[in-house]
Amino acid sequence: MEKKKLEYFKDLLNERKKSLLEEAKETMVEMTDEEEAFPDPNDRASLESDRNRLLRIRDRERKLISKIDKALERVENGTFGICEECGEEISEGRLKARPVTTLCINCKEEQEKKEKARHL
């Protein structure tokens, strides 16, 4: 991949990581600053439900940050944009849509077919 494109994806990955880390920090501040005096049990239950949902979202984002870090490592070691399965280049469109991907579209489709067949 051209150096200019690698820089584009590196910047894209770093921006996404920065955004996710800022959101996580805001969540922690909000969760520690909230007053928790709810005389109505339904209000309390709603708050707990909302918090649980938000924590699940943040956990998925934490996993995404790990994938972003691995993608940044691939940028640095020259393997970014190369399919781990077949060794072919991953299309630029696919990388723009999902820059943490490690598989080209053909290998990903094949992986999904195998996964689906196992569950039948």
PDB file of N, CA and C in Angstrom:
ATOM      1  N   MET A   1       0.853  -1.171   0.000  1.00  0.00           N
ATOM      2  CA  MET A   1       0.000   0.000   0.000  1.00  0.00           C
ATOM      3  C   MET A   1       0.903   1.240   0.000  1.00  0.00           C
ATOM      4  N   GLU A   2       0.447   2.256  -0.699  1.00  0.00           N
ATOM      5  CA  GLU A   2       1.203   3.501  -0.779  1.00  0.00           C
ATOM      6  C   GLU A   2       1.313   4.159   0.598  1.00  0.00           C
ATOM      7  N   LYS A   3       2.421   4.870   0.793  1.00  0.00           N
ATOM      8  CA  LYS A   3       2.671   5.523   2.071  1.00  0.00           C
ATOM      9  C   LYS A   3       1.571   6.531   2.410  1.00  0.00           C
ATOM     10  N   LYS A   4       1.091   7.264   1.408  1.00  0.00           N
ATOM     11  CA  LYS A   4       0.047   8.270   1.632  1.00  0.00           C
ATOM     12  C   LYS A   4      -1.243   7.617   2.139  1.00  0.00           C
ATOM     13  N   LYS A   5      -1.594   6.477   1.560  1.00  0.00           N
ATOM     14  CA  LYS A   5      -2.797   5.759   1.997  1.00  0.00           C
ATOM     15  C   LYS A   5      -2.611   5.192   3.401  1.00  0.00           C
ATOM     16  N   LEU A   6      -1.418   4.686   3.684  1.00  0.00           N
ATOM     17  CA  LEU A   6      -1.149   4.168   5.025  1.00  0.00           C
ATOM     18  C   LEU A   6      -1.293   5.272   6.063  1.00  0.00           C
ATOM     19  N   GLU A   7      -0.807   6.452   5.747  1.00  0.00           N
ATOM     20  CA  GLU A   7      -0.946   7.592   6.668  1.00  0.00           C
ATOM     21  C   GLU A   7      -2.417   7.942   6.875  1.00  0.00           C
ATOM     22  N   TYR A   8      -3.195   7.879   5.786  1.00  0.00           N
ATOM     23  CA  TYR A   8      -4.633   8.149   5.882  1.00  0.00           C
ATOM     24  C   TYR A   8      -5.279   7.179   6.873  1.00  0.00           C
ATOM     25  N   PHE A   9      -5.003   5.893   6.720  1.00  0.00           N
ATOM     26  CA  PHE A   9      -5.611   4.892   7.596  1.00  0.00           C
ATOM     27  C   PHE A   9      -5.074   4.994   9.021  1.00  0.00           C
ATOM     28  N   LYS A  10      -3.812   5.315   9.173  1.00  0.00           N
ATOM     29  CA  LYS A  10      -3.244   5.509  10.503  1.00  0.00           C
ATOM     30  C   LYS A  10      -3.958   6.657  11.212  1.00  0.00           C
ATOM     31  N   ASP A  11      -4.154   7.763  10.496  1.00  0.00           N
ATOM     32  CA  ASP A  11      -4.866   8.909  11.073  1.00  0.00           C
ATOM     33  C   ASP A  11      -6.313   8.538  11.407  1.00  0.00           C
ATOM     34  N   LEU A  12      -6.967   7.815  10.508  1.00  0.00           N
ATOM     35  CA  LEU A  12      -8.346   7.380  10.722  1.00  0.00           C
ATOM     36  C   LEU A  12      -8.449   6.517  11.982  1.00  0.00           C
ATOM     37  N   LEU A  13      -7.545   5.567  12.123  1.00  0.00           N
ATOM     38  CA  LEU A  13      -7.539   4.675  13.287  1.00  0.00           C
ATOM     39  C   LEU A  13      -7.256   5.452  14.572  1.00  0.00           C
ATOM     40  N   ASN A  14      -6.289   6.347  14.530  1.00  0.00           N
ATOM     41  CA  ASN A  14      -5.956   7.129  15.724  1.00  0.00           C
ATOM     42  C   ASN A  14      -7.103   8.048  16.137  1.00  0.00           C
ATOM     43  N   GLU A  15      -7.782   8.648  15.166  1.00  0.00           N
ATOM     44  CA  GLU A  15      -8.934   9.508  15.479  1.00  0.00           C
ATOM     45  C   GLU A  15     -10.054   8.699  16.130  1.00  0.00           C
ATOM     46  N   ARG A  16     -10.326   7.518  15.577  1.00  0.00           N
ATOM     47  CA  ARG A  16     -11.380   6.668  16.132  1.00  0.00           C
ATOM     48  C   ARG A  16     -11.034   6.236  17.557  1.00  0.00           C
ATOM     49  N   LYS A  17      -9.779   5.878  17.771  1.00  0.00           N
ATOM     50  CA  LYS A  17      -9.346   5.472  19.108  1.00  0.00           C
ATOM     51  C   LYS A  17      -9.490   6.633  20.087  1.00  0.00           C
ATOM     52  N   LYS A  18      -9.062   7.807  19.681  1.00  0.00           N
ATOM     53  CA  LYS A  18      -9.166   8.990  20.531  1.00  0.00           C
ATOM     54  C   LYS A  18     -10.618   9.266  20.902  1.00  0.00           C
ATOM     55  N   SER A  19     -11.498   9.166  19.930  1.00  0.00           N
ATOM     56  CA  SER A  19     -12.925   9.391  20.155  1.00  0.00           C
ATOM     57  C   SER A  19     -13.494   8.381  21.153  1.00  0.00           C
ATOM     58  N   LEU A  20     -13.141   7.122  20.987  1.00  0.00           N
ATOM     59  CA  LEU A  20     -13.628   6.076  21.891  1.00  0.00           C
ATOM     60  C   LEU A  20     -13.122   6.285  23.315  1.00  0.00           C
ATOM     61  N   LEU A  21     -11.872   6.674  23.441  1.00  0.00           N
ATOM     62  CA  LEU A  21     -11.304   6.912  24.774  1.00  0.00           C
ATOM     63  C   LEU A  21     -11.967   8.110  25.453  1.00  0.00           C
ATOM     64  N   GLU A  22     -12.280   9.152  24.684  1.00  0.00           N
ATOM     65  CA  GLU A  22     -12.965  10.317  25.244  1.00  0.00           C
ATOM     66  C   GLU A  22     -14.372   9.947  25.712  1.00  0.00           C
ATOM     67  N   GLU A  23     -15.079   9.138  24.911  1.00  0.00           N
ATOM     68  CA  GLU A  23     -16.420   8.701  25.297  1.00  0.00           C
ATOM     69  C   GLU A  23     -16.374   7.873  26.574  1.00  0.00           C
ATOM     70  N   ALA A  24     -15.385   7.006  26.687  1.00  0.00           N
ATOM     71  CA  ALA A  24     -15.247   6.173  27.886  1.00  0.00           C
ATOM     72  C   ALA A  24     -14.983   7.045  29.115  1.00  0.00           C
ATOM     73  N   LYS A  25     -14.140   8.048  28.955  1.00  0.00           N
ATOM     74  CA  LYS A  25     -13.834   8.949  30.059  1.00  0.00           C
ATOM     75  C   LYS A  25     -15.086   9.715  30.493  1.00  0.00           C
ATOM     76  N   GLU A  26     -15.860  10.198  29.513  1.00  0.00           N
ATOM     77  CA  GLU A  26     -17.102  10.914  29.822  1.00  0.00           C
ATOM     78  C   GLU A  26     -18.082  10.009  30.565  1.00  0.00           C
ATOM     79  N   THR A  27     -18.158   8.765  30.161  1.00  0.00           N
ATOM     80  CA  THR A  27     -19.053   7.808  30.816  1.00  0.00           C
ATOM     81  C   THR A  27     -18.661   7.622  32.271  1.00  0.00           C
ATOM     82  N   MET A  28     -17.382   7.477  32.527  1.00  0.00           N
ATOM     83  CA  MET A  28     -16.923   7.279  33.903  1.00  0.00           C
ATOM     84  C   MET A  28     -17.248   8.505  34.757  1.00  0.00           C
ATOM     85  N   VAL A  29     -17.052   9.696  34.206  1.00  0.00           N
ATOM     86  CA  VAL A  29     -17.351  10.922  34.947  1.00  0.00           C
ATOM     87  C   VAL A  29     -18.845  10.997  35.243  1.00  0.00           C
ATOM     88  N   GLU A  30     -19.667  10.720  34.237  1.00  0.00           N
ATOM     89  CA  GLU A  30     -21.126  10.765  34.417  1.00  0.00           C
ATOM     90  C   GLU A  30     -21.595   9.755  35.461  1.00  0.00           C
ATOM     91  N   MET A  31     -21.032   8.565  35.427  1.00  0.00           N
ATOM     92  CA  MET A  31     -21.483   7.518  36.342  1.00  0.00           C
ATOM     93  C   MET A  31     -21.062   7.803  37.782  1.00  0.00           C
ATOM     94  N   THR A  32     -19.973   8.502  37.965  1.00  0.00           N
ATOM     95  CA  THR A  32     -19.528   8.794  39.327  1.00  0.00           C
ATOM     96  C   THR A  32     -20.133  10.083  39.867  1.00  0.00           C
ATOM     97  N   ASP A  33     -20.628  10.946  38.981  1.00  0.00           N
ATOM     98  CA  ASP A  33     -21.193  12.232  39.407  1.00  0.00           C
ATOM     99  C   ASP A  33     -22.688  12.195  39.684  1.00  0.00           C
ATOM    100  N   GLU A  34     -23.377  11.164  39.210  1.00  0.00           N
ATOM    101  CA  GLU A  34     -24.836  11.127  39.330  1.00  0.00           C
ATOM    102  C   GLU A  34     -25.287  10.945  40.778  1.00  0.00           C
ATOM    103  N   GLU A  35     -26.339  11.668  41.137  1.00  0.00           N
ATOM    104  CA  GLU A  35     -27.003  11.455  42.422  1.00  0.00           C
ATOM    105  C   GLU A  35     -27.814  10.175  42.311  1.00  0.00           C
ATOM    106  N   GLU A  36     -27.834   9.408  43.363  1.00  0.00           N
ATOM    107  CA  GLU A  36     -28.518   8.118  43.289  1.00  0.00           C
ATOM    108  C   GLU A  36     -29.647   7.996  44.298  1.00  0.00           C
ATOM    109  N   ALA A  37     -30.318   9.085  44.604  1.00  0.00           N
ATOM    110  CA  ALA A  37     -31.448   9.049  45.531  1.00  0.00           C
ATOM    111  C   ALA A  37     -32.743   8.960  44.727  1.00  0.00           C
ATOM    112  N   PHE A  38     -33.265   7.744  44.603  1.00  0.00           N
ATOM    113  CA  PHE A  38     -34.491   7.520  43.851  1.00  0.00           C
ATOM    114  C   PHE A  38     -35.539   6.894  44.768  1.00  0.00           C
ATOM    115  N   PRO A  39     -36.513   7.697  45.175  1.00  0.00           N
ATOM    116  CA  PRO A  39     -37.551   7.126  46.025  1.00  0.00           C
ATOM    117  C   PRO A  39     -38.426   6.122  45.267  1.00  0.00           C
ATOM    118  N   ASP A  40     -38.535   6.287  43.969  1.00  0.00           N
ATOM    119  CA  ASP A  40     -39.377   5.399  43.172  1.00  0.00           C
ATOM    120  C   ASP A  40     -38.525   4.228  42.641  1.00  0.00           C
ATOM    121  N   PRO A  41     -38.882   2.997  42.983  1.00  0.00           N
ATOM    122  CA  PRO A  41     -38.119   1.831  42.523  1.00  0.00           C
ATOM    123  C   PRO A  41     -38.067   1.715  40.989  1.00  0.00           C
ATOM    124  N   ASN A  42     -39.104   2.198  40.308  1.00  0.00           N
ATOM    125  CA  ASN A  42     -39.097   2.146  38.844  1.00  0.00           C
ATOM    126  C   ASN A  42     -38.028   3.058  38.261  1.00  0.00           C
ATOM    127  N   ASP A  43     -37.850   4.236  38.865  1.00  0.00           N
ATOM    128  CA  ASP A  43     -36.792   5.139  38.409  1.00  0.00           C
ATOM    129  C   ASP A  43     -35.429   4.506  38.617  1.00  0.00           C
ATOM    130  N   ARG A  44     -35.264   3.872  39.744  1.00  0.00           N
ATOM    131  CA  ARG A  44     -34.002   3.199  40.064  1.00  0.00           C
ATOM    132  C   ARG A  44     -33.736   2.071  39.066  1.00  0.00           C
ATOM    133  N   ALA A  45     -34.750   1.304  38.759  1.00  0.00           N
ATOM    134  CA  ALA A  45     -34.613   0.197  37.814  1.00  0.00           C
ATOM    135  C   ALA A  45     -34.261   0.716  36.414  1.00  0.00           C
ATOM    136  N   SER A  46     -34.879   1.814  36.024  1.00  0.00           N
ATOM    137  CA  SER A  46     -34.565   2.413  34.721  1.00  0.00           C
ATOM    138  C   SER A  46     -33.119   2.865  34.658  1.00  0.00           C
ATOM    139  N   LEU A  47     -32.644   3.492  35.728  1.00  0.00           N
ATOM    140  CA  LEU A  47     -31.255   3.940  35.785  1.00  0.00           C
ATOM    141  C   LEU A  47     -30.305   2.747  35.670  1.00  0.00           C
ATOM    142  N   GLU A  48     -30.584   1.698  36.409  1.00  0.00           N
ATOM    143  CA  GLU A  48     -29.722   0.516  36.382  1.00  0.00           C
ATOM    144  C   GLU A  48     -29.723  -0.133  34.998  1.00  0.00           C
ATOM    145  N   SER A  49     -30.880  -0.192  34.374  1.00  0.00           N
ATOM    146  CA  SER A  49     -30.980  -0.754  33.033  1.00  0.00           C
ATOM    147  C   SER A  49     -30.170   0.075  32.034  1.00  0.00           C
ATOM    148  N   ASP A  50     -30.303   1.394  32.124  1.00  0.00           N
ATOM    149  CA  ASP A  50     -29.548   2.285  31.240  1.00  0.00           C
ATOM    150  C   ASP A  50     -28.045   2.137  31.460  1.00  0.00           C
ATOM    151  N   ARG A  51     -27.649   2.044  32.704  1.00  0.00           N
ATOM    152  CA  ARG A  51     -26.222   1.878  33.013  1.00  0.00           C
ATOM    153  C   ARG A  51     -25.683   0.562  32.465  1.00  0.00           C
ATOM    154  N   ASN A  52     -26.441  -0.500  32.649  1.00  0.00           N
ATOM    155  CA  ASN A  52     -25.997  -1.803  32.144  1.00  0.00           C
ATOM    156  C   ASN A  52     -25.838  -1.786  30.631  1.00  0.00           C
ATOM    157  N   ARG A  53     -26.787  -1.164  29.956  1.00  0.00           N
ATOM    158  CA  ARG A  53     -26.705  -1.059  28.496  1.00  0.00           C
ATOM    159  C   ARG A  53     -25.476  -0.257  28.089  1.00  0.00           C
ATOM    160  N   LEU A  54     -25.248   0.853  28.763  1.00  0.00           N
ATOM    161  CA  LEU A  54     -24.100   1.695  28.467  1.00  0.00           C
ATOM    162  C   LEU A  54     -22.788   0.965  28.739  1.00  0.00           C
ATOM    163  N   LEU A  55     -22.739   0.204  29.799  1.00  0.00           N
ATOM    164  CA  LEU A  55     -21.520  -0.558  30.101  1.00  0.00           C
ATOM    165  C   LEU A  55     -21.258  -1.643  29.062  1.00  0.00           C
ATOM    166  N   ARG A  56     -22.315  -2.265  28.543  1.00  0.00           N
ATOM    167  CA  ARG A  56     -22.129  -3.253  27.465  1.00  0.00           C
ATOM    168  C   ARG A  56     -21.581  -2.584  26.217  1.00  0.00           C
ATOM    169  N   ILE A  57     -22.090  -1.395  25.908  1.00  0.00           N
ATOM    170  CA  ILE A  57     -21.596  -0.642  24.751  1.00  0.00           C
ATOM    171  C   ILE A  57     -20.119  -0.303  24.952  1.00  0.00           C
ATOM    172  N   ARG A  58     -19.780   0.181  26.122  1.00  0.00           N
ATOM    173  CA  ARG A  58     -18.383   0.552  26.403  1.00  0.00           C
ATOM    174  C   ARG A  58     -17.466  -0.675  26.360  1.00  0.00           C
ATOM    175  N   ASP A  59     -17.971  -1.843  26.754  1.00  0.00           N
ATOM    176  CA  ASP A  59     -17.164  -3.058  26.672  1.00  0.00           C
ATOM    177  C   ASP A  59     -16.879  -3.416  25.218  1.00  0.00           C
ATOM    178  N   ARG A  60     -17.878  -3.282  24.361  1.00  0.00           N
ATOM    179  CA  ARG A  60     -17.655  -3.524  22.925  1.00  0.00           C
ATOM    180  C   ARG A  60     -16.649  -2.526  22.369  1.00  0.00           C
ATOM    181  N   GLU A  61     -16.742  -1.279  22.830  1.00  0.00           N
ATOM    182  CA  GLU A  61     -15.800  -0.262  22.376  1.00  0.00           C
ATOM    183  C   GLU A  61     -14.385  -0.547  22.879  1.00  0.00           C
ATOM    184  N   ARG A  62     -14.279  -1.095  24.088  1.00  0.00           N
ATOM    185  CA  ARG A  62     -12.968  -1.481  24.616  1.00  0.00           C
ATOM    186  C   ARG A  62     -12.328  -2.541  23.718  1.00  0.00           C
ATOM    187  N   LYS A  63     -13.141  -3.489  23.285  1.00  0.00           N
ATOM    188  CA  LYS A  63     -12.635  -4.526  22.379  1.00  0.00           C
ATOM    189  C   LYS A  63     -12.237  -3.922  21.038  1.00  0.00           C
ATOM    190  N   LEU A  64     -13.000  -2.926  20.585  1.00  0.00           N
ATOM    191  CA  LEU A  64     -12.672  -2.247  19.336  1.00  0.00           C
ATOM    192  C   LEU A  64     -11.349  -1.497  19.460  1.00  0.00           C
ATOM    193  N   ILE A  65     -11.096  -0.893  20.599  1.00  0.00           N
ATOM    194  CA  ILE A  65      -9.824  -0.196  20.823  1.00  0.00           C
ATOM    195  C   ILE A  65      -8.665  -1.181  20.687  1.00  0.00           C
ATOM    196  N   SER A  66      -8.841  -2.376  21.213  1.00  0.00           N
ATOM    197  CA  SER A  66      -7.808  -3.403  21.084  1.00  0.00           C
ATOM    198  C   SER A  66      -7.570  -3.750  19.608  1.00  0.00           C
ATOM    199  N   LYS A  67      -8.641  -3.851  18.846  1.00  0.00           N
ATOM    200  CA  LYS A  67      -8.511  -4.133  17.411  1.00  0.00           C
ATOM    201  C   LYS A  67      -7.837  -2.972  16.690  1.00  0.00           C
ATOM    202  N   ILE A  68      -8.142  -1.756  17.105  1.00  0.00           N
ATOM    203  CA  ILE A  68      -7.501  -0.581  16.507  1.00  0.00           C
ATOM    204  C   ILE A  68      -6.000  -0.619  16.791  1.00  0.00           C
ATOM    205  N   ASP A  69      -5.625  -0.941  18.017  1.00  0.00           N
ATOM    206  CA  ASP A  69      -4.203  -1.042  18.358  1.00  0.00           C
ATOM    207  C   ASP A  69      -3.496  -2.075  17.485  1.00  0.00           C
ATOM    208  N   LYS A  70      -4.150  -3.204  17.264  1.00  0.00           N
ATOM    209  CA  LYS A  70      -3.556  -4.245  16.413  1.00  0.00           C
ATOM    210  C   LYS A  70      -3.444  -3.770  14.967  1.00  0.00           C
ATOM    211  N   ALA A  71      -4.444  -3.025  14.497  1.00  0.00           N
ATOM    212  CA  ALA A  71      -4.392  -2.484  13.134  1.00  0.00           C
ATOM    213  C   ALA A  71      -3.250  -1.473  13.011  1.00  0.00           C
ATOM    214  N   LEU A  72      -3.064  -0.654  14.037  1.00  0.00           N
ATOM    215  CA  LEU A  72      -1.950   0.303  14.023  1.00  0.00           C
ATOM    216  C   LEU A  72      -0.604  -0.418  14.006  1.00  0.00           C
ATOM    217  N   GLU A  73      -0.515  -1.537  14.701  1.00  0.00           N
ATOM    218  CA  GLU A  73       0.703  -2.353  14.656  1.00  0.00           C
ATOM    219  C   GLU A  73       0.954  -2.857  13.236  1.00  0.00           C
ATOM    220  N   ARG A  74      -0.134  -3.270  12.555  1.00  0.00           N
ATOM    221  CA  ARG A  74       0.009  -3.752  11.179  1.00  0.00           C
ATOM    222  C   ARG A  74       0.446  -2.621  10.246  1.00  0.00           C
ATOM    223  N   VAL A  75      -0.031  -1.406  10.507  1.00  0.00           N
ATOM    224  CA  VAL A  75       0.428  -0.256   9.719  1.00  0.00           C
ATOM    225  C   VAL A  75       1.941  -0.114   9.888  1.00  0.00           C
ATOM    226  N   GLU A  76       2.402  -0.195  11.127  1.00  0.00           N
ATOM    227  CA  GLU A  76       3.825  -0.014  11.421  1.00  0.00           C
ATOM    228  C   GLU A  76       4.697  -1.136  10.851  1.00  0.00           C
ATOM    229  N   ASN A  77       4.203  -2.369  10.887  1.00  0.00           N
ATOM    230  CA  ASN A  77       5.048  -3.472  10.415  1.00  0.00           C
ATOM    231  C   ASN A  77       4.833  -3.826   8.938  1.00  0.00           C
ATOM    232  N   GLY A  78       3.981  -3.052   8.258  1.00  0.00           N
ATOM    233  CA  GLY A  78       3.825  -3.226   6.813  1.00  0.00           C
ATOM    234  C   GLY A  78       2.842  -4.296   6.383  1.00  0.00           C
ATOM    235  N   THR A  79       2.035  -4.816   7.306  1.00  0.00           N
ATOM    236  CA  THR A  79       1.074  -5.859   6.930  1.00  0.00           C
ATOM    237  C   THR A  79      -0.363  -5.351   6.871  1.00  0.00           C
ATOM    238  N   PHE A  80      -0.564  -4.040   7.124  1.00  0.00           N
ATOM    239  CA  PHE A  80      -1.914  -3.483   7.083  1.00  0.00           C
ATOM    240  C   PHE A  80      -2.446  -3.565   5.660  1.00  0.00           C
ATOM    241  N   GLY A  81      -3.709  -3.991   5.540  1.00  0.00           N
ATOM    242  CA  GLY A  81      -4.351  -4.062   4.232  1.00  0.00           C
ATOM    243  C   GLY A  81      -4.080  -5.345   3.473  1.00  0.00           C
ATOM    244  N   ILE A  82      -3.431  -6.295   4.132  1.00  0.00           N
ATOM    245  CA  ILE A  82      -3.152  -7.585   3.511  1.00  0.00           C
ATOM    246  C   ILE A  82      -3.955  -8.649   4.256  1.00  0.00           C
ATOM    247  N   CYS A  83      -4.703  -9.419   3.509  1.00  0.00           N
ATOM    248  CA  CYS A  83      -5.566 -10.452   4.091  1.00  0.00           C
ATOM    249  C   CYS A  83      -4.726 -11.507   4.805  1.00  0.00           C
ATOM    250  N   GLU A  84      -5.091 -11.785   6.048  1.00  0.00           N
ATOM    251  CA  GLU A  84      -4.374 -12.792   6.829  1.00  0.00           C
ATOM    252  C   GLU A  84      -4.605 -14.206   6.304  1.00  0.00           C
ATOM    253  N   GLU A  85      -5.688 -14.393   5.582  1.00  0.00           N
ATOM    254  CA  GLU A  85      -6.037 -15.727   5.099  1.00  0.00           C
ATOM    255  C   GLU A  85      -5.358 -16.053   3.767  1.00  0.00           C
ATOM    256  N   CYS A  86      -5.532 -15.182   2.764  1.00  0.00           N
ATOM    257  CA  CYS A  86      -5.044 -15.493   1.417  1.00  0.00           C
ATOM    258  C   CYS A  86      -3.824 -14.683   1.003  1.00  0.00           C
ATOM    259  N   GLY A  87      -3.507 -13.629   1.758  1.00  0.00           N
ATOM    260  CA  GLY A  87      -2.331 -12.821   1.447  1.00  0.00           C
ATOM    261  C   GLY A  87      -2.554 -11.756   0.377  1.00  0.00           C
ATOM    262  N   GLU A  88      -3.776 -11.665  -0.124  1.00  0.00           N
ATOM    263  CA  GLU A  88      -4.091 -10.646  -1.130  1.00  0.00           C
ATOM    264  C   GLU A  88      -4.386  -9.318  -0.450  1.00  0.00           C
ATOM    265  N   GLU A  89      -4.343  -8.237  -1.241  1.00  0.00           N
ATOM    266  CA  GLU A  89      -4.685  -6.927  -0.696  1.00  0.00           C
ATOM    267  C   GLU A  89      -6.173  -6.836  -0.402  1.00  0.00           C
ATOM    268  N   ILE A  90      -6.494  -6.199   0.706  1.00  0.00           N
ATOM    269  CA  ILE A  90      -7.886  -5.921   1.061  1.00  0.00           C
ATOM    270  C   ILE A  90      -8.269  -4.638   0.348  1.00  0.00           C
ATOM    271  N   SER A  91      -9.453  -4.609  -0.237  1.00  0.00           N
ATOM    272  CA  SER A  91      -9.858  -3.436  -1.011  1.00  0.00           C
ATOM    273  C   SER A  91      -9.901  -2.185  -0.141  1.00  0.00           C
ATOM    274  N   GLU A  92      -9.590  -1.069  -0.762  1.00  0.00           N
ATOM    275  CA  GLU A  92      -9.589   0.201  -0.047  1.00  0.00           C
ATOM    276  C   GLU A  92     -10.986   0.524   0.498  1.00  0.00           C
ATOM    277  N   GLY A  93     -12.016   0.202  -0.272  1.00  0.00           N
ATOM    278  CA  GLY A  93     -13.384   0.441   0.182  1.00  0.00           C
ATOM    279  C   GLY A  93     -13.709  -0.329   1.453  1.00  0.00           C
ATOM    280  N   ARG A  94     -13.266  -1.569   1.508  1.00  0.00           N
ATOM    281  CA  ARG A  94     -13.496  -2.384   2.710  1.00  0.00           C
ATOM    282  C   ARG A  94     -12.728  -1.808   3.895  1.00  0.00           C
ATOM    283  N   LEU A  95     -11.505  -1.381   3.660  1.00  0.00           N
ATOM    284  CA  LEU A  95     -10.701  -0.799   4.733  1.00  0.00           C
ATOM    285  C   LEU A  95     -11.295   0.511   5.228  1.00  0.00           C
ATOM    286  N   LYS A  96     -11.879   1.292   4.327  1.00  0.00           N
ATOM    287  CA  LYS A  96     -12.521   2.535   4.756  1.00  0.00           C
ATOM    288  C   LYS A  96     -13.748   2.242   5.611  1.00  0.00           C
ATOM    289  N   ALA A  97     -14.487   1.209   5.233  1.00  0.00           N
ATOM    290  CA  ALA A  97     -15.693   0.842   5.980  1.00  0.00           C
ATOM    291  C   ALA A  97     -15.346   0.199   7.323  1.00  0.00           C
ATOM    292  N   ARG A  98     -14.287  -0.592   7.334  1.00  0.00           N
ATOM    293  CA  ARG A  98     -13.881  -1.306   8.548  1.00  0.00           C
ATOM    294  C   ARG A  98     -12.357  -1.388   8.591  1.00  0.00           C
ATOM    295  N   PRO A  99     -11.711  -0.329   9.040  1.00  0.00           N
ATOM    296  CA  PRO A  99     -10.244  -0.299   8.982  1.00  0.00           C
ATOM    297  C   PRO A  99      -9.541  -1.316   9.876  1.00  0.00           C
ATOM    298  N   VAL A 100     -10.251  -1.949  10.795  1.00  0.00           N
ATOM    299  CA  VAL A 100      -9.626  -2.955  11.663  1.00  0.00           C
ATOM    300  C   VAL A 100      -9.677  -4.354  11.059  1.00  0.00           C
ATOM    301  N   THR A 101     -10.263  -4.483   9.890  1.00  0.00           N
ATOM    302  CA  THR A 101     -10.428  -5.804   9.290  1.00  0.00           C
ATOM    303  C   THR A 101      -9.093  -6.465   8.973  1.00  0.00           C
ATOM    304  N   THR A 102      -9.083  -7.779   9.030  1.00  0.00           N
ATOM    305  CA  THR A 102      -7.874  -8.537   8.702  1.00  0.00           C
ATOM    306  C   THR A 102      -8.114  -9.490   7.531  1.00  0.00           C
ATOM    307  N   LEU A 103      -9.350  -9.508   7.036  1.00  0.00           N
ATOM    308  CA  LEU A 103      -9.695 -10.413   5.940  1.00  0.00           C
ATOM    309  C   LEU A 103     -10.283  -9.651   4.763  1.00  0.00           C
ATOM    310  N   CYS A 104      -9.937 -10.094   3.559  1.00  0.00           N
ATOM    311  CA  CYS A 104     -10.569  -9.531   2.367  1.00  0.00           C
ATOM    312  C   CYS A 104     -12.026  -9.995   2.343  1.00  0.00           C
ATOM    313  N   ILE A 105     -12.814  -9.396   1.490  1.00  0.00           N
ATOM    314  CA  ILE A 105     -14.250  -9.713   1.474  1.00  0.00           C
ATOM    315  C   ILE A 105     -14.498 -11.178   1.123  1.00  0.00           C
ATOM    316  N   ASN A 106     -13.722 -11.732   0.198  1.00  0.00           N
ATOM    317  CA  ASN A 106     -13.931 -13.135  -0.190  1.00  0.00           C
ATOM    318  C   ASN A 106     -13.650 -14.090   0.966  1.00  0.00           C
ATOM    319  N   CYS A 107     -12.549 -13.863   1.667  1.00  0.00           N
ATOM    320  CA  CYS A 107     -12.215 -14.724   2.810  1.00  0.00           C
ATOM    321  C   CYS A 107     -13.208 -14.541   3.946  1.00  0.00           C
ATOM    322  N   LYS A 108     -13.683 -13.308   4.153  1.00  0.00           N
ATOM    323  CA  LYS A 108     -14.677 -13.056   5.202  1.00  0.00           C
ATOM    324  C   LYS A 108     -15.988 -13.775   4.880  1.00  0.00           C
ATOM    325  N   GLU A 109     -16.405 -13.713   3.621  1.00  0.00           N
ATOM    326  CA  GLU A 109     -17.631 -14.414   3.222  1.00  0.00           C
ATOM    327  C   GLU A 109     -17.481 -15.913   3.416  1.00  0.00           C
ATOM    328  N   GLU A 110     -16.327 -16.438   3.067  1.00  0.00           N
ATOM    329  CA  GLU A 110     -16.068 -17.875   3.239  1.00  0.00           C
ATOM    330  C   GLU A 110     -16.092 -18.244   4.724  1.00  0.00           C
ATOM    331  N   GLN A 111     -15.501 -17.406   5.549  1.00  0.00           N
ATOM    332  CA  GLN A 111     -15.501 -17.640   6.993  1.00  0.00           C
ATOM    333  C   GLN A 111     -16.937 -17.660   7.529  1.00  0.00           C
ATOM    334  N   GLU A 112     -17.752 -16.720   7.070  1.00  0.00           N
ATOM    335  CA  GLU A 112     -19.142 -16.658   7.523  1.00  0.00           C
ATOM    336  C   GLU A 112     -19.942 -17.859   7.061  1.00  0.00           C
ATOM    337  N   LYS A 113     -19.683 -18.351   5.847  1.00  0.00           N
ATOM    338  CA  LYS A 113     -20.369 -19.555   5.350  1.00  0.00           C
ATOM    339  C   LYS A 113     -20.024 -20.758   6.223  1.00  0.00           C
ATOM    340  N   LYS A 114     -18.751 -20.901   6.553  1.00  0.00           N
ATOM    341  CA  LYS A 114     -18.329 -22.021   7.399  1.00  0.00           C
ATOM    342  C   LYS A 114     -18.952 -21.919   8.781  1.00  0.00           C
ATOM    343  N   GLU A 115     -18.984 -20.712   9.320  1.00  0.00           N
ATOM    344  CA  GLU A 115     -19.575 -20.486  10.642  1.00  0.00           C
ATOM    345  C   GLU A 115     -21.059 -20.828  10.629  1.00  0.00           C
ATOM    346  N   LYS A 116     -21.743 -20.405   9.578  1.00  0.00           N
ATOM    347  CA  LYS A 116     -23.179 -20.673   9.445  1.00  0.00           C
ATOM    348  C   LYS A 116     -23.432 -22.179   9.327  1.00  0.00           C
ATOM    349  N   ALA A 117     -22.591 -22.865   8.570  1.00  0.00           N
ATOM    350  CA  ALA A 117     -22.749 -24.316   8.388  1.00  0.00           C
ATOM    351  C   ALA A 117     -22.554 -25.061   9.711  1.00  0.00           C
ATOM    352  N   ARG A 118     -21.670 -24.569  10.557  1.00  0.00           N
ATOM    353  CA  ARG A 118     -21.436 -25.208  11.863  1.00  0.00           C
ATOM    354  C   ARG A 118     -22.641 -25.079  12.780  1.00  0.00           C
ATOM    355  N   HIS A 119     -23.405 -24.014  12.597  1.00  0.00           N
ATOM    356  CA  HIS A 119     -24.560 -23.770  13.481  1.00  0.00           C
ATOM    357  C   HIS A 119     -25.843 -24.434  12.976  1.00  0.00           C
ATOM    358  N   LEU A 120     -25.793 -25.058  11.844  1.00  0.00           N
ATOM    359  CA  LEU A 120     -26.997 -25.728  11.324  1.00  0.00           C
ATOM    360  C   LEU A 120     -27.124 -27.142  11.812  1.00  0.00           C
TER     361      LEU A 120
END
